[in-house]
Amino acid sequence: MKLKVWVLGLLIFLFVFSCGGAADEEPEAPLDLNKGKSYFFLEEGKYREYNVYEIRYYAVDISDTLQYQLREEVGEAFANQNGQISHFVNRYIRDNASQAWELDSVWTARIEGDKAISVENNVPLVKMTFPADTSRRWDGNLLNSNDPNIRKLVNFNSTFTVGLNTFLRTAEVEISRDEDGITFRDIRREVYRDSIGLIYKLYNKVKLCSRAECLGQQLVESGRFYREELIAHGYVDED
């Protein structure tokens, strides 16, 4: 009988102790829904300048190589047809630093809920999703009629080197990493810097020659190579 009472008392003690211990655990930090939004930087008056290197392939051994500079300026905000606040993004180009900028195109961009959206040549693309998390996947073509394009955040709050500059607190988005090594190559990624915006873009989407005389020789038959690297940024009023 004494043994039963002792065992019962021990069980009651363990139950009370375990309950008391749970109360001492650190509560989980609340999810920061805005985490990463400052990487898709849309402050009016912000500008970014890039060196661009581009190759347009038309056939084997037939291509155009272009080198020029691109400037983006975040323009004024406006409400779109759904009431969402967007910004104009004015894009200028020039051959080199000795020339004046000329307006090339106007895009728009916005953060809508948990999505960063850029409308490029009238095509809306989901560039990032929030909160930033390297385990998340999303369809970049969710808002347009193109085939799904599953993107992912492969690095967040990491360092990234562009030319001679190393940036802290960057986010790298993998748009595509697909190739068979014989007939095609589709490597695309974008890198964003906290409180700056896009600092690097690489699009290498080409078809390789698959005819008998050149199969396996990595000769590009058609497509485009495009690289964009940040060289300057600031605010228009500071120029």
Protein backbone atom coordinates (compact mmCIF):
# COMPACT_ATOMS: atom_id res chain seq x y z
CA MET A 1 0.00 0.00 0.00
CA LYS A 2 2.83 2.40 0.86
CA LEU A 3 4.43 1.64 -2.51
CA LYS A 4 1.25 2.61 -4.37
CA VAL A 5 1.00 5.89 -2.48
CA TRP A 6 4.64 6.66 -3.20
CA VAL A 7 4.24 5.97 -6.94
CA LEU A 8 1.09 8.09 -7.10
CA GLY A 9 2.88 10.97 -5.39
CA LEU A 10 5.80 10.70 -7.81
CA LEU A 11 3.48 10.85 -10.81
CA ILE A 12 1.72 13.95 -9.43
CA PHE A 13 5.10 15.64 -8.83
CA LEU A 14 6.30 14.89 -12.37
CA PHE A 15 3.06 16.22 -13.86
CA VAL A 16 3.25 19.49 -11.90
CA PHE A 17 6.97 19.88 -12.70
CA SER A 18 6.43 19.37 -16.44
CA CYS A 19 3.62 21.91 -16.50
CA GLY A 20 5.73 24.45 -14.64
CA GLY A 21 8.64 23.94 -17.05
CA ALA A 22 6.50 24.65 -20.10
CA ALA A 23 5.58 28.05 -18.72
CA ASP A 24 9.27 29.00 -18.63
CA GLU A 25 9.90 28.34 -22.35
CA GLU A 26 10.70 31.29 -24.62
CA PRO A 27 7.67 32.17 -26.78
CA GLU A 28 8.22 32.00 -30.51
CA ALA A 29 8.95 35.36 -32.13
CA PRO A 30 6.03 36.69 -34.17
CA LEU A 31 6.37 36.33 -37.93
CA ASP A 32 7.64 39.56 -39.54
CA LEU A 33 5.38 39.89 -42.57
CA ASN A 34 7.46 42.83 -43.87
CA LYS A 35 10.75 40.92 -43.84
CA GLY A 36 12.47 41.51 -47.18
CA LYS A 37 10.25 44.31 -48.50
CA SER A 38 13.03 46.89 -48.15
CA TYR A 39 15.08 44.88 -50.68
CA PHE A 40 12.51 45.70 -53.38
CA PHE A 41 13.18 49.39 -52.84
CA LEU A 42 10.53 51.80 -54.16
CA GLU A 43 11.26 55.19 -52.62
CA GLU A 44 10.38 58.07 -54.92
CA GLY A 45 13.48 59.81 -56.26
CA LYS A 46 15.75 56.80 -55.89
CA TYR A 47 17.94 56.07 -58.90
CA ARG A 48 20.13 53.13 -59.87
CA GLU A 49 22.65 53.00 -62.71
CA TYR A 50 23.98 49.86 -64.37
CA ASN A 51 26.53 48.67 -66.88
CA VAL A 52 24.82 46.36 -69.34
CA TYR A 53 26.48 43.69 -71.47
CA GLU A 54 24.23 41.92 -73.96
CA ILE A 55 24.63 39.40 -76.77
CA ARG A 56 21.77 38.66 -79.17
CA TYR A 57 22.21 35.42 -81.07
CA TYR A 58 20.61 34.93 -84.48
CA ALA A 59 22.45 31.85 -85.79
CA VAL A 60 25.72 30.04 -85.19
CA ASP A 61 28.50 32.64 -85.49
CA ILE A 62 25.95 35.41 -86.11
CA SER A 63 25.27 37.71 -83.18
CA ASP A 64 25.23 41.32 -81.99
CA THR A 65 27.16 42.38 -78.90
CA LEU A 66 25.94 45.49 -77.10
CA GLN A 67 27.45 47.44 -74.23
CA TYR A 68 25.60 50.40 -72.76
CA GLN A 69 24.41 51.98 -69.52
CA LEU A 70 20.96 51.89 -67.98
CA ARG A 71 19.45 54.21 -65.38
CA GLU A 72 16.26 53.57 -63.42
CA GLU A 73 14.49 56.31 -61.50
CA VAL A 74 11.64 55.53 -59.12
CA GLY A 75 8.96 58.04 -60.02
CA GLU A 76 5.82 59.29 -58.35
CA ALA A 77 3.24 57.01 -56.83
CA PHE A 78 -0.22 56.47 -58.28
CA ALA A 79 -3.22 54.28 -57.57
CA ASN A 80 -3.86 51.61 -60.20
CA GLN A 81 -7.29 50.38 -61.29
CA ASN A 82 -7.48 48.05 -58.29
CA GLY A 83 -6.61 50.81 -55.85
CA GLN A 84 -3.10 49.47 -55.26
CA ILE A 85 -0.32 52.04 -54.91
CA SER A 86 2.28 51.70 -57.66
CA HIS A 87 5.32 53.71 -58.71
CA PHE A 88 6.44 54.67 -62.18
CA VAL A 89 9.95 53.42 -62.94
CA ASN A 90 11.51 55.59 -65.64
CA ARG A 91 14.27 53.82 -67.57
CA TYR A 92 16.98 55.71 -69.47
CA ILE A 93 19.86 54.43 -71.60
CA ARG A 94 23.08 55.78 -73.09
CA ASP A 95 26.09 54.25 -74.82
CA ASN A 96 28.61 55.57 -72.29
CA ALA A 97 29.18 58.12 -69.52
CA SER A 98 30.01 60.92 -71.94
CA GLN A 99 26.50 60.96 -73.39
CA ALA A 100 23.21 62.28 -72.05
CA TRP A 101 20.52 59.91 -70.82
CA GLU A 102 17.61 59.23 -73.17
CA LEU A 103 14.25 57.85 -72.03
CA ASP A 104 13.87 54.26 -73.20
CA SER A 105 10.75 52.98 -71.46
CA VAL A 106 8.50 53.36 -68.42
CA TRP A 107 7.73 50.40 -66.19
CA THR A 108 5.72 50.31 -62.99
CA ALA A 109 6.32 48.48 -59.74
CA ARG A 110 4.46 47.90 -56.49
CA ILE A 111 4.27 45.84 -53.36
CA GLU A 112 0.85 44.24 -53.13
CA GLY A 113 0.23 42.26 -49.97
CA ASP A 114 2.91 39.58 -49.83
CA LYS A 115 4.15 40.14 -53.41
CA ALA A 116 6.63 42.48 -55.09
CA ILE A 117 5.34 43.08 -58.62
CA SER A 118 7.12 44.68 -61.57
CA VAL A 119 5.19 45.44 -64.76
CA GLU A 120 7.78 45.22 -67.53
CA ASN A 121 6.67 46.01 -71.09
CA ASN A 122 3.07 45.53 -69.91
CA VAL A 123 3.80 42.09 -68.43
CA PRO A 124 3.31 41.81 -64.63
CA LEU A 125 5.94 39.64 -62.92
CA VAL A 126 6.06 38.53 -59.29
CA LYS A 127 9.65 39.33 -58.35
CA MET A 128 9.66 38.45 -54.66
CA THR A 129 7.30 37.19 -51.96
CA PHE A 130 7.20 38.07 -48.28
CA PRO A 131 8.19 37.38 -45.63
CA ALA A 132 11.50 36.49 -47.25
CA ASP A 133 12.18 32.80 -46.71
CA THR A 134 14.57 30.54 -48.64
CA SER A 135 12.12 27.65 -48.32
CA ARG A 136 9.39 29.44 -50.28
CA ARG A 137 8.59 28.96 -53.96
CA TRP A 138 6.31 31.08 -56.12
CA ASP A 139 5.12 31.47 -59.72
CA GLY A 140 6.69 34.54 -61.29
CA ASN A 141 4.04 34.44 -64.02
CA LEU A 142 1.09 34.19 -61.64
CA LEU A 143 -0.38 37.47 -62.89
CA ASN A 144 0.14 36.98 -66.63
CA SER A 145 -0.80 34.39 -69.25
CA ASN A 146 2.68 32.92 -69.76
CA ASP A 147 3.63 29.42 -68.67
CA PRO A 148 4.34 29.05 -64.93
CA ASN A 149 7.83 30.07 -63.84
CA ILE A 150 8.67 28.73 -60.39
CA ARG A 151 11.13 31.00 -58.64
CA LYS A 152 12.88 30.70 -55.31
CA LEU A 153 14.92 32.76 -52.90
CA VAL A 154 18.28 30.98 -52.69
CA ASN A 155 20.13 33.44 -50.44
CA PHE A 156 18.92 36.08 -48.01
CA ASN A 157 20.81 38.61 -45.89
CA SER A 158 24.07 37.44 -47.45
CA THR A 159 26.98 39.13 -49.24
CA PHE A 160 27.28 39.47 -53.00
CA THR A 161 30.07 40.94 -55.12
CA VAL A 162 29.36 43.04 -58.22
CA GLY A 163 32.53 44.05 -60.01
CA LEU A 164 34.80 45.58 -57.39
CA ASN A 165 32.00 46.17 -54.89
CA THR A 166 30.85 43.73 -52.23
CA PHE A 167 27.34 44.32 -50.91
CA LEU A 168 26.01 43.19 -47.55
CA ARG A 169 22.39 42.23 -46.87
CA THR A 170 21.48 40.94 -50.32
CA ALA A 171 18.70 38.65 -51.53
CA GLU A 172 19.27 36.37 -54.51
CA VAL A 173 16.30 35.12 -56.52
CA GLU A 174 16.76 32.14 -58.80
CA ILE A 175 14.41 32.53 -61.77
CA SER A 176 15.65 29.51 -63.70
CA ARG A 177 18.49 27.04 -63.53
CA ASP A 178 17.78 24.63 -66.32
CA GLU A 179 20.05 23.14 -68.96
CA ASP A 180 20.75 19.78 -70.51
CA GLY A 181 24.27 20.75 -71.58
CA ILE A 182 23.54 19.75 -75.17
CA THR A 183 20.58 21.61 -76.66
CA PHE A 184 19.61 24.52 -74.39
CA ARG A 185 20.62 26.68 -71.46
CA ASP A 186 18.33 28.79 -69.27
CA ILE A 187 20.14 30.40 -66.34
CA ARG A 188 18.46 33.46 -64.85
CA ARG A 189 18.82 35.20 -61.51
CA GLU A 190 18.41 38.59 -59.86
CA VAL A 191 20.08 39.98 -56.75
CA TYR A 192 18.63 42.75 -54.59
CA ARG A 193 20.28 44.85 -51.88
CA ASP A 194 18.45 46.09 -48.81
CA SER A 195 17.47 49.78 -49.22
CA ILE A 196 18.90 49.92 -52.76
CA GLY A 197 16.95 47.49 -54.92
CA LEU A 198 18.24 45.46 -57.85
CA ILE A 199 22.05 45.31 -58.01
CA TYR A 200 22.64 42.43 -60.42
CA LYS A 201 20.74 40.61 -63.14
CA LEU A 202 21.86 37.68 -65.28
CA TYR A 203 19.72 36.22 -68.05
CA ASN A 204 21.35 33.53 -70.18
CA LYS A 205 18.62 31.85 -72.20
CA VAL A 206 19.90 30.26 -75.40
CA LYS A 207 19.36 27.37 -77.76
CA LEU A 208 22.47 25.38 -78.62
CA CYS A 209 23.13 23.95 -82.05
CA SER A 210 21.88 20.36 -82.15
CA ARG A 211 22.62 19.52 -85.76
CA ALA A 212 24.95 16.61 -86.40
CA GLU A 213 27.87 18.80 -87.43
CA CYS A 214 27.84 20.83 -84.19
CA LEU A 215 26.02 18.72 -81.58
CA GLY A 216 27.78 18.87 -78.24
CA GLN A 217 30.08 21.75 -79.20
CA GLN A 218 28.20 24.34 -77.09
CA LEU A 219 27.64 26.58 -80.11
CA VAL A 220 24.78 29.01 -79.56
CA GLU A 221 22.20 29.06 -82.34
CA SER A 222 19.68 31.57 -80.95
CA GLY A 223 18.71 33.37 -77.78
CA ARG A 224 20.11 36.10 -75.57
CA PHE A 225 22.75 36.69 -72.93
CA TYR A 226 22.10 39.71 -70.70
CA ARG A 227 24.07 40.96 -67.68
CA GLU A 228 23.26 44.05 -65.65
CA GLU A 229 25.58 45.30 -62.87
CA LEU A 230 25.00 48.22 -60.50
CA ILE A 231 27.62 50.98 -60.76
CA ALA A 232 25.93 53.87 -58.93
CA HIS A 233 22.86 54.69 -56.88
CA GLY A 234 21.45 57.59 -54.89
CA TYR A 235 18.68 60.14 -55.06
CA VAL A 236 17.82 62.43 -57.94
CA ASP A 237 17.89 65.55 -55.73
CA GLU A 238 21.47 64.75 -54.77
CA ASP A 239 22.78 64.80 -58.36
